[in-house]
Amino acid sequence: MNYRYLALAICFGLSFSAVAQQTVSPTEVVRRKAAVLESKSSLDTGIPFLQWEKESIWIEEHVPLLYCMIKGRLLEPMQQLQVNGKVMTIKSDGKFEIFFKFPSSVHDFKITLISKNQKTYRSHFQVVDLHQRFLSTKKPLTRAHYSAGLGYTLIHYQQSTVSPFHEGALTFKGGFTYELKPDVWDLNLGSFLNVFTLKSSSADGDSIRYLGLNAKVGYHLITFPSPIRLILNAGIYYNTSFGTVGFLDMFGPQLYPEVRYLFANNHALTTYGKYSPSVAHSLSDFGKNREIATGLHYSFPLNSFYRLSVGIDYSELFLLRGADSAQTSTFSLSSALLF
């Protein structure tokens, strides 16, 4: 982040105004394609009536382990199913599920079946990370993830001492996520900056641009292997502005629940809500000095290293200080590269 913009905010800003923009960095799940392959052994009898639900599966990165869920079906009734010696549940229709956590790109496991007449079937398999196995450039597991993107933000600004105006701006957004405790706790840092104004409806020539920073910690309430993920984030934010009108040093806490649905093709749909009271000018009336926001983001893989996210965000901010009041609403359309 270029701190020159913060110095400009201090030079140009007035004592009071409003901003409502998003520093959205949704907590992305890192997934890669894998396969279940049979590993031949001279001691194996083979299991010809075993079918895997899908030829390929998804594995998730949660340093230092990879997670996967394998679903299969037995076409003949069996009395017992063992995976690496552990007895597993077989459903009435012959279906079963296996959940693995493993530290490397290949994981070996053995399936043993015992029929009702005590006949034993045995076979060895491997979960193989196809990305790590077949690409010459291998991506190491990491707890750190980044995002960078651009968007168009439509701003409606009104204040009791300023004629209302609309403004369109090119906005840069950046984010950093670190897995404090994989699949449990995340640290997320986000930023936005209106790089420059594209248009303004102000008859007085007014314009405003914003700089925002936030930090939040997320707790994963619903995690793997559910396709629905629920993350409760809480943290702090800081906003300031520079331009012909503006404000200085708005900050406060934020509550940020986030819901994501993971599709079978590794696409994801994320929505969130945000509530952020402002404590910069009033420590008591959170009802009149606060920001509320919501958004919807869709992400999908470009290749084994990068994902692309496109989304819309809407926010409103209300501030009251003495006889002066301000309200800002923003609508933002943006895309970001996740890596």
C-alpha atoms as a PDB file:
ATOM      1  CA  MET A   1       0.000   0.000   0.000  1.00  0.00           C
ATOM      2  CA  ASN A   2       1.339   3.461  -0.971  1.00  0.00           C
ATOM      3  CA  TYR A   3       1.212   5.638   2.164  1.00  0.00           C
ATOM      4  CA  ARG A   4       1.506   8.763   0.014  1.00  0.00           C
ATOM      5  CA  TYR A   5      -2.271   8.520  -0.404  1.00  0.00           C
ATOM      6  CA  LEU A   6      -2.760   8.599   3.334  1.00  0.00           C
ATOM      7  CA  ALA A   7      -0.712  11.805   3.512  1.00  0.00           C
ATOM      8  CA  LEU A   8      -2.887  13.317   0.784  1.00  0.00           C
ATOM      9  CA  ALA A   9      -5.987  12.383   2.772  1.00  0.00           C
ATOM     10  CA  ILE A  10      -4.680  14.326   5.760  1.00  0.00           C
ATOM     11  CA  CYS A  11      -3.933  17.349   3.582  1.00  0.00           C
ATOM     12  CA  PHE A  12      -7.248  17.472   1.697  1.00  0.00           C
ATOM     13  CA  GLY A  13      -9.729  15.894   4.101  1.00  0.00           C
ATOM     14  CA  LEU A  14     -12.340  17.834   6.034  1.00  0.00           C
ATOM     15  CA  SER A  15     -13.246  16.976   9.583  1.00  0.00           C
ATOM     16  CA  PHE A  16     -16.332  14.937   8.730  1.00  0.00           C
ATOM     17  CA  SER A  17     -17.938  13.018   5.909  1.00  0.00           C
ATOM     18  CA  ALA A  18     -18.759   9.439   4.916  1.00  0.00           C
ATOM     19  CA  VAL A  19     -17.568   6.480   2.914  1.00  0.00           C
ATOM     20  CA  ALA A  20     -19.105   3.103   2.247  1.00  0.00           C
ATOM     21  CA  GLN A  21     -16.961   0.777   0.220  1.00  0.00           C
ATOM     22  CA  GLN A  22     -15.940  -2.820   0.497  1.00  0.00           C
ATOM     23  CA  THR A  23     -12.537  -4.362   1.026  1.00  0.00           C
ATOM     24  CA  VAL A  24     -13.898  -7.779   0.214  1.00  0.00           C
ATOM     25  CA  SER A  25     -11.506 -10.709   0.278  1.00  0.00           C
ATOM     26  CA  PRO A  26     -13.722 -13.763   0.685  1.00  0.00           C
ATOM     27  CA  THR A  27     -12.043 -16.747   2.275  1.00  0.00           C
ATOM     28  CA  GLU A  28     -11.339 -18.942  -0.752  1.00  0.00           C
ATOM     29  CA  VAL A  29     -10.999 -22.703  -0.548  1.00  0.00           C
ATOM     30  CA  VAL A  30      -7.964 -24.048  -2.403  1.00  0.00           C
ATOM     31  CA  ARG A  31      -8.936 -27.245  -4.248  1.00  0.00           C
ATOM     32  CA  ARG A  32      -7.171 -29.412  -6.797  1.00  0.00           C
ATOM     33  CA  LYS A  33      -8.224 -32.384  -8.845  1.00  0.00           C
ATOM     34  CA  ALA A  34      -7.162 -35.883  -7.752  1.00  0.00           C
ATOM     35  CA  ALA A  35      -7.895 -39.451  -8.777  1.00  0.00           C
ATOM     36  CA  VAL A  36      -8.320 -42.825  -7.090  1.00  0.00           C
ATOM     37  CA  LEU A  37      -6.054 -45.370  -8.792  1.00  0.00           C
ATOM     38  CA  GLU A  38      -5.704 -49.060  -8.069  1.00  0.00           C
ATOM     39  CA  SER A  39      -2.256 -50.112  -6.875  1.00  0.00           C
ATOM     40  CA  LYS A  40      -1.602 -53.727  -7.860  1.00  0.00           C
ATOM     41  CA  SER A  41      -0.206 -56.136  -5.304  1.00  0.00           C
ATOM     42  CA  SER A  42       0.523 -59.851  -5.649  1.00  0.00           C
ATOM     43  CA  LEU A  43      -1.405 -60.504  -2.420  1.00  0.00           C
ATOM     44  CA  ASP A  44      -4.568 -58.708  -3.588  1.00  0.00           C
ATOM     45  CA  THR A  45      -7.605 -60.642  -4.743  1.00  0.00           C
ATOM     46  CA  GLY A  46      -9.151 -57.592  -6.419  1.00  0.00           C
ATOM     47  CA  ILE A  47     -12.650 -56.233  -5.853  1.00  0.00           C
ATOM     48  CA  PRO A  48     -14.528 -56.407  -9.181  1.00  0.00           C
ATOM     49  CA  PHE A  49     -17.850 -55.279  -7.671  1.00  0.00           C
ATOM     50  CA  LEU A  50     -16.441 -52.012  -6.245  1.00  0.00           C
ATOM     51  CA  GLN A  51     -17.311 -48.793  -8.068  1.00  0.00           C
ATOM     52  CA  TRP A  52     -16.113 -45.293  -7.278  1.00  0.00           C
ATOM     53  CA  GLU A  53     -18.819 -42.677  -7.551  1.00  0.00           C
ATOM     54  CA  LYS A  54     -16.571 -40.452  -9.678  1.00  0.00           C
ATOM     55  CA  GLU A  55     -13.401 -41.093 -11.614  1.00  0.00           C
ATOM     56  CA  SER A  56     -11.876 -37.918 -10.213  1.00  0.00           C
ATOM     57  CA  ILE A  57     -12.254 -36.206  -6.848  1.00  0.00           C
ATOM     58  CA  TRP A  58     -11.278 -32.886  -5.292  1.00  0.00           C
ATOM     59  CA  ILE A  59      -8.677 -32.503  -2.599  1.00  0.00           C
ATOM     60  CA  GLU A  60      -8.458 -29.401  -0.422  1.00  0.00           C
ATOM     61  CA  GLU A  61      -5.313 -27.734   0.874  1.00  0.00           C
ATOM     62  CA  HIS A  62      -5.212 -27.230   4.616  1.00  0.00           C
ATOM     63  CA  VAL A  63      -1.552 -26.977   5.512  1.00  0.00           C
ATOM     64  CA  PRO A  64       0.121 -29.244   6.483  1.00  0.00           C
ATOM     65  CA  LEU A  65      -2.493 -31.748   5.251  1.00  0.00           C
ATOM     66  CA  LEU A  66      -4.598 -32.430   2.193  1.00  0.00           C
ATOM     67  CA  TYR A  67      -8.253 -33.377   2.721  1.00  0.00           C
ATOM     68  CA  CYS A  68     -10.425 -35.532   0.506  1.00  0.00           C
ATOM     69  CA  MET A  69     -13.738 -37.384   0.586  1.00  0.00           C
ATOM     70  CA  ILE A  70     -14.072 -40.514  -1.541  1.00  0.00           C
ATOM     71  CA  LYS A  71     -17.474 -42.031  -2.301  1.00  0.00           C
ATOM     72  CA  GLY A  72     -17.930 -45.586  -3.536  1.00  0.00           C
ATOM     73  CA  ARG A  73     -20.528 -48.300  -3.948  1.00  0.00           C
ATOM     74  CA  LEU A  74     -20.509 -52.077  -3.526  1.00  0.00           C
ATOM     75  CA  LEU A  75     -22.604 -53.914  -6.109  1.00  0.00           C
ATOM     76  CA  GLU A  76     -22.770 -57.033  -3.923  1.00  0.00           C
ATOM     77  CA  PRO A  77     -23.868 -57.223  -0.256  1.00  0.00           C
ATOM     78  CA  MET A  78     -20.941 -57.364   2.178  1.00  0.00           C
ATOM     79  CA  GLN A  79     -20.838 -58.037   5.894  1.00  0.00           C
ATOM     80  CA  GLN A  80     -17.908 -55.746   6.639  1.00  0.00           C
ATOM     81  CA  LEU A  81     -15.815 -53.010   4.997  1.00  0.00           C
ATOM     82  CA  GLN A  82     -12.388 -52.108   6.354  1.00  0.00           C
ATOM     83  CA  VAL A  83     -10.180 -49.223   5.212  1.00  0.00           C
ATOM     84  CA  ASN A  84      -6.604 -49.609   6.485  1.00  0.00           C
ATOM     85  CA  GLY A  85      -7.982 -51.952   9.136  1.00  0.00           C
ATOM     86  CA  LYS A  86     -10.714 -49.558  10.318  1.00  0.00           C
ATOM     87  CA  VAL A  87     -14.317 -50.741  10.028  1.00  0.00           C
ATOM     88  CA  MET A  88     -16.453 -48.374   7.924  1.00  0.00           C
ATOM     89  CA  THR A  89     -20.224 -47.999   7.566  1.00  0.00           C
ATOM     90  CA  ILE A  90     -21.943 -49.515   4.518  1.00  0.00           C
ATOM     91  CA  LYS A  91     -25.342 -48.031   3.688  1.00  0.00           C
ATOM     92  CA  SER A  92     -28.297 -50.209   2.723  1.00  0.00           C
ATOM     93  CA  ASP A  93     -27.777 -49.404  -0.975  1.00  0.00           C
ATOM     94  CA  GLY A  94     -24.098 -50.408  -0.792  1.00  0.00           C
ATOM     95  CA  LYS A  95     -22.730 -46.856  -0.741  1.00  0.00           C
ATOM     96  CA  PHE A  96     -19.904 -45.759   1.564  1.00  0.00           C
ATOM     97  CA  GLU A  97     -17.716 -42.722   2.203  1.00  0.00           C
ATOM     98  CA  ILE A  98     -14.043 -42.434   3.150  1.00  0.00           C
ATOM     99  CA  PHE A  99     -12.508 -39.258   4.588  1.00  0.00           C
ATOM    100  CA  PHE A 100      -8.722 -38.876   4.461  1.00  0.00           C
ATOM    101  CA  LYS A 101      -6.213 -36.352   5.774  1.00  0.00           C
ATOM    102  CA  PHE A 102      -2.744 -36.931   4.345  1.00  0.00           C
ATOM    103  CA  PRO A 103       0.509 -34.938   4.105  1.00  0.00           C
ATOM    104  CA  SER A 104       1.775 -35.595   0.568  1.00  0.00           C
ATOM    105  CA  SER A 105       0.552 -35.687  -3.028  1.00  0.00           C
ATOM    106  CA  VAL A 106       0.001 -39.483  -2.947  1.00  0.00           C
ATOM    107  CA  HIS A 107      -1.861 -41.403  -0.269  1.00  0.00           C
ATOM    108  CA  ASP A 108      -1.975 -45.217  -0.144  1.00  0.00           C
ATOM    109  CA  PHE A 109      -4.849 -47.118   1.399  1.00  0.00           C
ATOM    110  CA  LYS A 110      -6.126 -50.696   1.530  1.00  0.00           C
ATOM    111  CA  ILE A 111      -9.713 -51.874   1.306  1.00  0.00           C
ATOM    112  CA  THR A 112     -10.703 -55.231   2.783  1.00  0.00           C
ATOM    113  CA  LEU A 113     -14.183 -56.692   2.349  1.00  0.00           C
ATOM    114  CA  ILE A 114     -15.678 -59.676   4.162  1.00  0.00           C
ATOM    115  CA  SER A 115     -18.741 -61.315   2.642  1.00  0.00           C
ATOM    116  CA  LYS A 116     -21.553 -62.960   4.563  1.00  0.00           C
ATOM    117  CA  ASN A 117     -19.989 -66.372   3.937  1.00  0.00           C
ATOM    118  CA  GLN A 118     -16.668 -65.034   5.334  1.00  0.00           C
ATOM    119  CA  LYS A 119     -14.911 -64.756   1.987  1.00  0.00           C
ATOM    120  CA  THR A 120     -12.268 -61.997   1.965  1.00  0.00           C
ATOM    121  CA  TYR A 121     -11.570 -59.529  -0.859  1.00  0.00           C
ATOM    122  CA  ARG A 122      -8.622 -57.162  -0.758  1.00  0.00           C
ATOM    123  CA  SER A 123      -7.177 -54.407  -2.940  1.00  0.00           C
ATOM    124  CA  HIS A 124      -4.762 -51.474  -2.611  1.00  0.00           C
ATOM    125  CA  PHE A 125      -5.443 -47.963  -3.946  1.00  0.00           C
ATOM    126  CA  GLN A 126      -3.857 -44.537  -4.117  1.00  0.00           C
ATOM    127  CA  VAL A 127      -5.267 -41.034  -3.905  1.00  0.00           C
ATOM    128  CA  VAL A 128      -3.120 -39.118  -6.393  1.00  0.00           C
ATOM    129  CA  ASP A 129      -2.926 -35.327  -6.627  1.00  0.00           C
ATOM    130  CA  LEU A 130      -3.036 -34.990 -10.419  1.00  0.00           C
ATOM    131  CA  HIS A 131      -1.583 -31.488 -10.328  1.00  0.00           C
ATOM    132  CA  GLN A 132       1.494 -32.554  -8.369  1.00  0.00           C
ATOM    133  CA  ARG A 133       1.987 -35.733 -10.368  1.00  0.00           C
ATOM    134  CA  PHE A 134       1.642 -34.558 -13.942  1.00  0.00           C
ATOM    135  CA  LEU A 135       2.816 -30.935 -13.982  1.00  0.00           C
ATOM    136  CA  SER A 136       6.492 -30.082 -14.122  1.00  0.00           C
ATOM    137  CA  THR A 137       5.968 -26.971 -11.964  1.00  0.00           C
ATOM    138  CA  LYS A 138       4.712 -28.020  -8.562  1.00  0.00           C
ATOM    139  CA  LYS A 139       2.911 -25.659  -6.237  1.00  0.00           C
ATOM    140  CA  PRO A 140       3.923 -26.211  -2.612  1.00  0.00           C
ATOM    141  CA  LEU A 141       1.329 -26.219   0.111  1.00  0.00           C
ATOM    142  CA  THR A 142       1.148 -22.832   1.767  1.00  0.00           C
ATOM    143  CA  ARG A 143      -0.951 -21.151   4.414  1.00  0.00           C
ATOM    144  CA  ALA A 144      -0.712 -17.782   2.646  1.00  0.00           C
ATOM    145  CA  HIS A 145      -3.118 -16.811  -0.144  1.00  0.00           C
ATOM    146  CA  TYR A 146      -3.491 -13.552  -2.060  1.00  0.00           C
ATOM    147  CA  SER A 147      -5.998 -11.675  -4.204  1.00  0.00           C
ATOM    148  CA  ALA A 148      -5.705  -8.621  -6.431  1.00  0.00           C
ATOM    149  CA  GLY A 149      -8.373  -7.060  -8.593  1.00  0.00           C
ATOM    150  CA  LEU A 150      -9.974  -4.049 -10.222  1.00  0.00           C
ATOM    151  CA  GLY A 151     -13.548  -2.844 -10.295  1.00  0.00           C
ATOM    152  CA  TYR A 152     -15.915  -0.044 -11.134  1.00  0.00           C
ATOM    153  CA  THR A 153     -17.534   1.672  -8.141  1.00  0.00           C
ATOM    154  CA  LEU A 154     -20.587   3.917  -8.408  1.00  0.00           C
ATOM    155  CA  ILE A 155     -20.733   6.291  -5.420  1.00  0.00           C
ATOM    156  CA  HIS A 156     -23.673   8.387  -4.291  1.00  0.00           C
ATOM    157  CA  TYR A 157     -22.529  11.031  -1.811  1.00  0.00           C
ATOM    158  CA  GLN A 158     -24.684  13.393   0.189  1.00  0.00           C
ATOM    159  CA  GLN A 159     -23.936  15.613   3.173  1.00  0.00           C
ATOM    160  CA  SER A 160     -25.878  18.409   4.857  1.00  0.00           C
ATOM    161  CA  THR A 161     -23.243  20.983   3.845  1.00  0.00           C
ATOM    162  CA  VAL A 162     -22.494  19.609   0.350  1.00  0.00           C
ATOM    163  CA  SER A 163     -24.653  19.319  -2.764  1.00  0.00           C
ATOM    164  CA  PRO A 164     -25.317  15.605  -3.440  1.00  0.00           C
ATOM    165  CA  PHE A 165     -23.446  14.082  -6.368  1.00  0.00           C
ATOM    166  CA  HIS A 166     -22.734  10.782  -8.091  1.00  0.00           C
ATOM    167  CA  GLU A 167     -19.271   9.577  -8.947  1.00  0.00           C
ATOM    168  CA  GLY A 168     -17.791   6.671 -10.859  1.00  0.00           C
ATOM    169  CA  ALA A 169     -14.328   5.449  -9.916  1.00  0.00           C
ATOM    170  CA  LEU A 170     -11.814   2.769 -10.844  1.00  0.00           C
ATOM    171  CA  THR A 171     -11.099   0.815  -7.672  1.00  0.00           C
ATOM    172  CA  PHE A 172      -8.171  -1.422  -6.789  1.00  0.00           C
ATOM    173  CA  LYS A 173      -8.724  -4.144  -4.196  1.00  0.00           C
ATOM    174  CA  GLY A 174      -6.143  -6.410  -2.609  1.00  0.00           C
ATOM    175  CA  GLY A 175      -6.314  -9.134   0.003  1.00  0.00           C
ATOM    176  CA  PHE A 176      -4.151 -11.515   2.011  1.00  0.00           C
ATOM    177  CA  THR A 177      -5.343 -14.589   3.911  1.00  0.00           C
ATOM    178  CA  TYR A 178      -3.258 -16.683   6.285  1.00  0.00           C
ATOM    179  CA  GLU A 179      -4.474 -19.965   7.785  1.00  0.00           C
ATOM    180  CA  LEU A 180      -3.769 -19.569  11.503  1.00  0.00           C
ATOM    181  CA  LYS A 181      -5.213 -23.014  12.206  1.00  0.00           C
ATOM    182  CA  PRO A 182      -6.138 -24.699   8.936  1.00  0.00           C
ATOM    183  CA  ASP A 183      -9.869 -25.255   8.412  1.00  0.00           C
ATOM    184  CA  VAL A 184     -10.550 -23.567  11.778  1.00  0.00           C
ATOM    185  CA  TRP A 185      -9.084 -20.028  12.040  1.00  0.00           C
ATOM    186  CA  ASP A 186      -8.053 -17.547   9.308  1.00  0.00           C
ATOM    187  CA  LEU A 187      -6.446 -14.112   9.386  1.00  0.00           C
ATOM    188  CA  ASN A 188      -7.568 -11.836   6.560  1.00  0.00           C
ATOM    189  CA  LEU A 189      -6.152  -8.435   5.581  1.00  0.00           C
ATOM    190  CA  GLY A 190      -7.875  -6.347   2.929  1.00  0.00           C
ATOM    191  CA  SER A 191      -7.485  -2.972   1.232  1.00  0.00           C
ATOM    192  CA  PHE A 192      -9.143  -0.799  -1.387  1.00  0.00           C
ATOM    193  CA  LEU A 193      -8.202   2.408  -3.164  1.00  0.00           C
ATOM    194  CA  ASN A 194     -10.113   4.523  -5.678  1.00  0.00           C
ATOM    195  CA  VAL A 195      -7.262   4.871  -8.145  1.00  0.00           C
ATOM    196  CA  PHE A 196      -8.899   7.710 -10.077  1.00  0.00           C
ATOM    197  CA  THR A 197     -12.304   9.234 -10.755  1.00  0.00           C
ATOM    198  CA  LEU A 198     -13.867   8.365 -14.106  1.00  0.00           C
ATOM    199  CA  LYS A 199     -16.835  10.734 -13.895  1.00  0.00           C
ATOM    200  CA  SER A 200     -18.642  13.022 -11.451  1.00  0.00           C
ATOM    201  CA  SER A 201     -22.056  14.709 -11.511  1.00  0.00           C
ATOM    202  CA  SER A 202     -21.061  17.464  -9.073  1.00  0.00           C
ATOM    203  CA  ALA A 203     -21.962  20.945 -10.364  1.00  0.00           C
ATOM    204  CA  ASP A 204     -19.474  22.408  -7.887  1.00  0.00           C
ATOM    205  CA  GLY A 205     -16.603  20.285  -9.146  1.00  0.00           C
ATOM    206  CA  ASP A 206     -16.497  18.206  -5.976  1.00  0.00           C
ATOM    207  CA  SER A 207     -14.851  14.807  -5.993  1.00  0.00           C
ATOM    208  CA  ILE A 208     -13.804  12.279  -3.403  1.00  0.00           C
ATOM    209  CA  ARG A 209     -11.639   9.183  -3.379  1.00  0.00           C
ATOM    210  CA  TYR A 210     -11.239   6.654  -0.618  1.00  0.00           C
ATOM    211  CA  LEU A 211      -8.579   4.516   0.970  1.00  0.00           C
ATOM    212  CA  GLY A 212      -9.584   1.652   3.237  1.00  0.00           C
ATOM    213  CA  LEU A 213      -7.848  -1.056   5.265  1.00  0.00           C
ATOM    214  CA  ASN A 214      -9.280  -3.848   7.356  1.00  0.00           C
ATOM    215  CA  ALA A 215      -8.188  -6.842   9.371  1.00  0.00           C
ATOM    216  CA  LYS A 216     -10.394  -9.681  10.509  1.00  0.00           C
ATOM    217  CA  VAL A 217     -10.173 -13.159  11.975  1.00  0.00           C
ATOM    218  CA  GLY A 218     -12.517 -15.848  10.695  1.00  0.00           C
ATOM    219  CA  TYR A 219     -13.793 -18.944  12.499  1.00  0.00           C
ATOM    220  CA  HIS A 220     -15.036 -21.836  10.323  1.00  0.00           C
ATOM    221  CA  LEU A 221     -18.370 -23.043  11.707  1.00  0.00           C
ATOM    222  CA  ILE A 222     -19.128 -25.491   8.860  1.00  0.00           C
ATOM    223  CA  THR A 223     -16.135 -27.055   7.116  1.00  0.00           C
ATOM    224  CA  PHE A 224     -14.990 -29.976   4.970  1.00  0.00           C
ATOM    225  CA  PRO A 225     -16.524 -32.229   3.695  1.00  0.00           C
ATOM    226  CA  SER A 226     -19.767 -30.213   3.546  1.00  0.00           C
ATOM    227  CA  PRO A 227     -20.238 -28.297   0.259  1.00  0.00           C
ATOM    228  CA  ILE A 228     -21.697 -25.471   2.362  1.00  0.00           C
ATOM    229  CA  ARG A 229     -19.150 -23.463   4.337  1.00  0.00           C
ATOM    230  CA  LEU A 230     -20.000 -20.954   7.049  1.00  0.00           C
ATOM    231  CA  ILE A 231     -17.342 -18.556   8.353  1.00  0.00           C
ATOM    232  CA  LEU A 232     -17.884 -15.977  11.078  1.00  0.00           C
ATOM    233  CA  ASN A 233     -15.436 -13.067  10.751  1.00  0.00           C
ATOM    234  CA  ALA A 234     -14.810 -10.239  13.198  1.00  0.00           C
ATOM    235  CA  GLY A 235     -12.199  -7.507  13.185  1.00  0.00           C
ATOM    236  CA  ILE A 236     -11.454  -3.811  12.713  1.00  0.00           C
ATOM    237  CA  TYR A 237     -11.445  -1.411   9.777  1.00  0.00           C
ATOM    238  CA  TYR A 238      -9.993   2.002   8.890  1.00  0.00           C
ATOM    239  CA  ASN A 239     -11.198   4.362   6.149  1.00  0.00           C
ATOM    240  CA  THR A 240     -10.046   7.797   5.082  1.00  0.00           C
ATOM    241  CA  SER A 241     -10.431  10.003   1.997  1.00  0.00           C
ATOM    242  CA  PHE A 242      -8.790  12.595  -0.199  1.00  0.00           C
ATOM    243  CA  GLY A 243     -10.318  15.024  -2.674  1.00  0.00           C
ATOM    244  CA  THR A 244     -12.162  18.349  -2.588  1.00  0.00           C
ATOM    245  CA  VAL A 245     -14.471  16.969   0.116  1.00  0.00           C
ATOM    246  CA  GLY A 246     -13.810  14.190   2.533  1.00  0.00           C
ATOM    247  CA  PHE A 247     -13.069  12.982   6.034  1.00  0.00           C
ATOM    248  CA  LEU A 248     -10.257  11.723   8.194  1.00  0.00           C
ATOM    249  CA  ASP A 249      -9.676   8.605  10.246  1.00  0.00           C
ATOM    250  CA  MET A 250     -12.932   6.679  10.392  1.00  0.00           C
ATOM    251  CA  PHE A 251     -12.524   3.344  12.177  1.00  0.00           C
ATOM    252  CA  GLY A 252     -14.378   0.762  14.205  1.00  0.00           C
ATOM    253  CA  PRO A 253     -15.134  -2.936  14.684  1.00  0.00           C
ATOM    254  CA  GLN A 254     -16.785  -5.122  12.075  1.00  0.00           C
ATOM    255  CA  LEU A 255     -18.874  -8.294  12.124  1.00  0.00           C
ATOM    256  CA  TYR A 256     -18.751 -10.210   8.866  1.00  0.00           C
ATOM    257  CA  PRO A 257     -20.555 -13.580   8.439  1.00  0.00           C
ATOM    258  CA  GLU A 258     -19.764 -15.364   5.173  1.00  0.00           C
ATOM    259  CA  VAL A 259     -21.530 -18.299   3.469  1.00  0.00           C
ATOM    260  CA  ARG A 260     -20.068 -20.249   0.555  1.00  0.00           C
ATOM    261  CA  TYR A 261     -21.361 -23.087  -1.602  1.00  0.00           C
ATOM    262  CA  LEU A 262     -18.821 -25.281  -3.410  1.00  0.00           C
ATOM    263  CA  PHE A 263     -20.039 -26.849  -6.644  1.00  0.00           C
ATOM    264  CA  ALA A 264     -18.841 -30.238  -7.893  1.00  0.00           C
ATOM    265  CA  ASN A 265     -16.850 -28.573 -10.715  1.00  0.00           C
ATOM    266  CA  ASN A 266     -14.744 -26.562  -8.211  1.00  0.00           C
ATOM    267  CA  HIS A 267     -16.707 -23.361  -8.790  1.00  0.00           C
ATOM    268  CA  ALA A 268     -17.883 -21.470  -5.710  1.00  0.00           C
ATOM    269  CA  LEU A 269     -20.623 -18.971  -4.858  1.00  0.00           C
ATOM    270  CA  THR A 270     -20.073 -16.717  -1.842  1.00  0.00           C
ATOM    271  CA  THR A 271     -22.345 -14.231  -0.122  1.00  0.00           C
ATOM    272  CA  TYR A 272     -21.735 -12.152   2.979  1.00  0.00           C
ATOM    273  CA  GLY A 273     -23.218  -9.518   5.253  1.00  0.00           C
ATOM    274  CA  LYS A 274     -21.309  -6.842   7.118  1.00  0.00           C
ATOM    275  CA  TYR A 275     -22.098  -4.597  10.060  1.00  0.00           C
ATOM    276  CA  SER A 276     -19.523  -1.985  11.074  1.00  0.00           C
ATOM    277  CA  PRO A 277     -20.265   0.660  13.710  1.00  0.00           C
ATOM    278  CA  SER A 278     -18.092   3.764  13.538  1.00  0.00           C
ATOM    279  CA  VAL A 279     -16.311   4.885  16.699  1.00  0.00           C
ATOM    280  CA  ALA A 280     -14.304   7.710  15.100  1.00  0.00           C
ATOM    281  CA  HIS A 281     -16.800  10.446  16.000  1.00  0.00           C
ATOM    282  CA  SER A 282     -19.186   8.824  18.464  1.00  0.00           C
ATOM    283  CA  LEU A 283     -18.541   6.058  20.963  1.00  0.00           C
ATOM    284  CA  SER A 284     -22.170   5.713  22.023  1.00  0.00           C
ATOM    285  CA  ASP A 285     -24.608   5.834  19.091  1.00  0.00           C
ATOM    286  CA  PHE A 286     -23.801   2.828  16.897  1.00  0.00           C
ATOM    287  CA  GLY A 287     -27.329   2.990  15.455  1.00  0.00           C
ATOM    288  CA  LYS A 288     -26.634   6.284  13.656  1.00  0.00           C
ATOM    289  CA  ASN A 289     -22.941   5.840  12.908  1.00  0.00           C
ATOM    290  CA  ARG A 290     -22.487   2.567  11.084  1.00  0.00           C
ATOM    291  CA  GLU A 291     -21.967   0.807   7.787  1.00  0.00           C
ATOM    292  CA  ILE A 292     -24.007  -2.110   6.483  1.00  0.00           C
ATOM    293  CA  ALA A 293     -23.057  -4.059   3.388  1.00  0.00           C
ATOM    294  CA  THR A 294     -23.699  -7.204   1.411  1.00  0.00           C
ATOM    295  CA  GLY A 295     -22.274  -8.844  -1.688  1.00  0.00           C
ATOM    296  CA  LEU A 296     -22.268 -11.858  -3.969  1.00  0.00           C
ATOM    297  CA  HIS A 297     -19.120 -13.365  -5.538  1.00  0.00           C
ATOM    298  CA  TYR A 298     -18.622 -16.233  -7.983  1.00  0.00           C
ATOM    299  CA  SER A 299     -15.195 -17.824  -8.434  1.00  0.00           C
ATOM    300  CA  PHE A 300     -13.820 -20.531 -10.700  1.00  0.00           C
ATOM    301  CA  PRO A 301     -10.385 -22.005 -11.555  1.00  0.00           C
ATOM    302  CA  LEU A 302      -8.359 -20.669 -14.474  1.00  0.00           C
ATOM    303  CA  ASN A 303      -5.726 -23.386 -14.030  1.00  0.00           C
ATOM    304  CA  SER A 304      -4.075 -25.299 -11.219  1.00  0.00           C
ATOM    305  CA  PHE A 305      -2.558 -22.128  -9.736  1.00  0.00           C
ATOM    306  CA  TYR A 306      -5.097 -19.325 -10.180  1.00  0.00           C
ATOM    307  CA  ARG A 307      -8.786 -18.646  -9.651  1.00  0.00           C
ATOM    308  CA  LEU A 308     -10.861 -15.776 -10.989  1.00  0.00           C
ATOM    309  CA  SER A 309     -13.577 -14.156  -8.898  1.00  0.00           C
ATOM    310  CA  VAL A 310     -16.298 -11.806 -10.153  1.00  0.00           C
ATOM    311  CA  GLY A 311     -18.719 -10.103  -7.826  1.00  0.00           C
ATOM    312  CA  ILE A 312     -21.036  -7.293  -6.879  1.00  0.00           C
ATOM    313  CA  ASP A 313     -21.090  -5.384  -3.585  1.00  0.00           C
ATOM    314  CA  TYR A 314     -23.514  -2.876  -2.142  1.00  0.00           C
ATOM    315  CA  SER A 315     -23.010  -0.814   0.992  1.00  0.00           C
ATOM    316  CA  GLU A 316     -24.492   2.100   2.887  1.00  0.00           C
ATOM    317  CA  LEU A 317     -22.915   4.244   5.566  1.00  0.00           C
ATOM    318  CA  PHE A 318     -24.568   6.733   7.889  1.00  0.00           C
ATOM    319  CA  LEU A 319     -22.754   9.243  10.086  1.00  0.00           C
ATOM    320  CA  LEU A 320     -24.044  11.944  12.420  1.00  0.00           C
ATOM    321  CA  ARG A 321     -21.936  14.531  14.188  1.00  0.00           C
ATOM    322  CA  GLY A 322     -23.751  17.374  15.868  1.00  0.00           C
ATOM    323  CA  ALA A 323     -25.902  19.170  13.284  1.00  0.00           C
ATOM    324  CA  ASP A 324     -23.950  17.684  10.388  1.00  0.00           C
ATOM    325  CA  SER A 325     -24.981  14.381   8.822  1.00  0.00           C
ATOM    326  CA  ALA A 326     -23.813  12.356   5.856  1.00  0.00           C
ATOM    327  CA  GLN A 327     -24.831   9.285   3.946  1.00  0.00           C
ATOM    328  CA  THR A 328     -22.968   7.377   1.272  1.00  0.00           C
ATOM    329  CA  SER A 329     -24.060   4.397  -0.779  1.00  0.00           C
ATOM    330  CA  THR A 330     -21.876   2.471  -3.214  1.00  0.00           C
ATOM    331  CA  PHE A 331     -22.410  -0.207  -5.809  1.00  0.00           C
ATOM    332  CA  SER A 332     -19.320  -2.005  -7.032  1.00  0.00           C
ATOM    333  CA  LEU A 333     -18.710  -4.507  -9.830  1.00  0.00           C
ATOM    334  CA  SER A 334     -15.272  -6.098  -9.693  1.00  0.00           C
ATOM    335  CA  SER A 335     -13.096  -9.053 -10.616  1.00  0.00           C
ATOM    336  CA  ALA A 336     -10.039 -10.424  -8.843  1.00  0.00           C
ATOM    337  CA  LEU A 337      -7.284 -12.940  -9.395  1.00  0.00           C
ATOM    338  CA  LEU A 338      -6.840 -15.368  -6.492  1.00  0.00           C
ATOM    339  CA  PHE A 339      -3.547 -17.200  -5.955  1.00  0.00           C
END
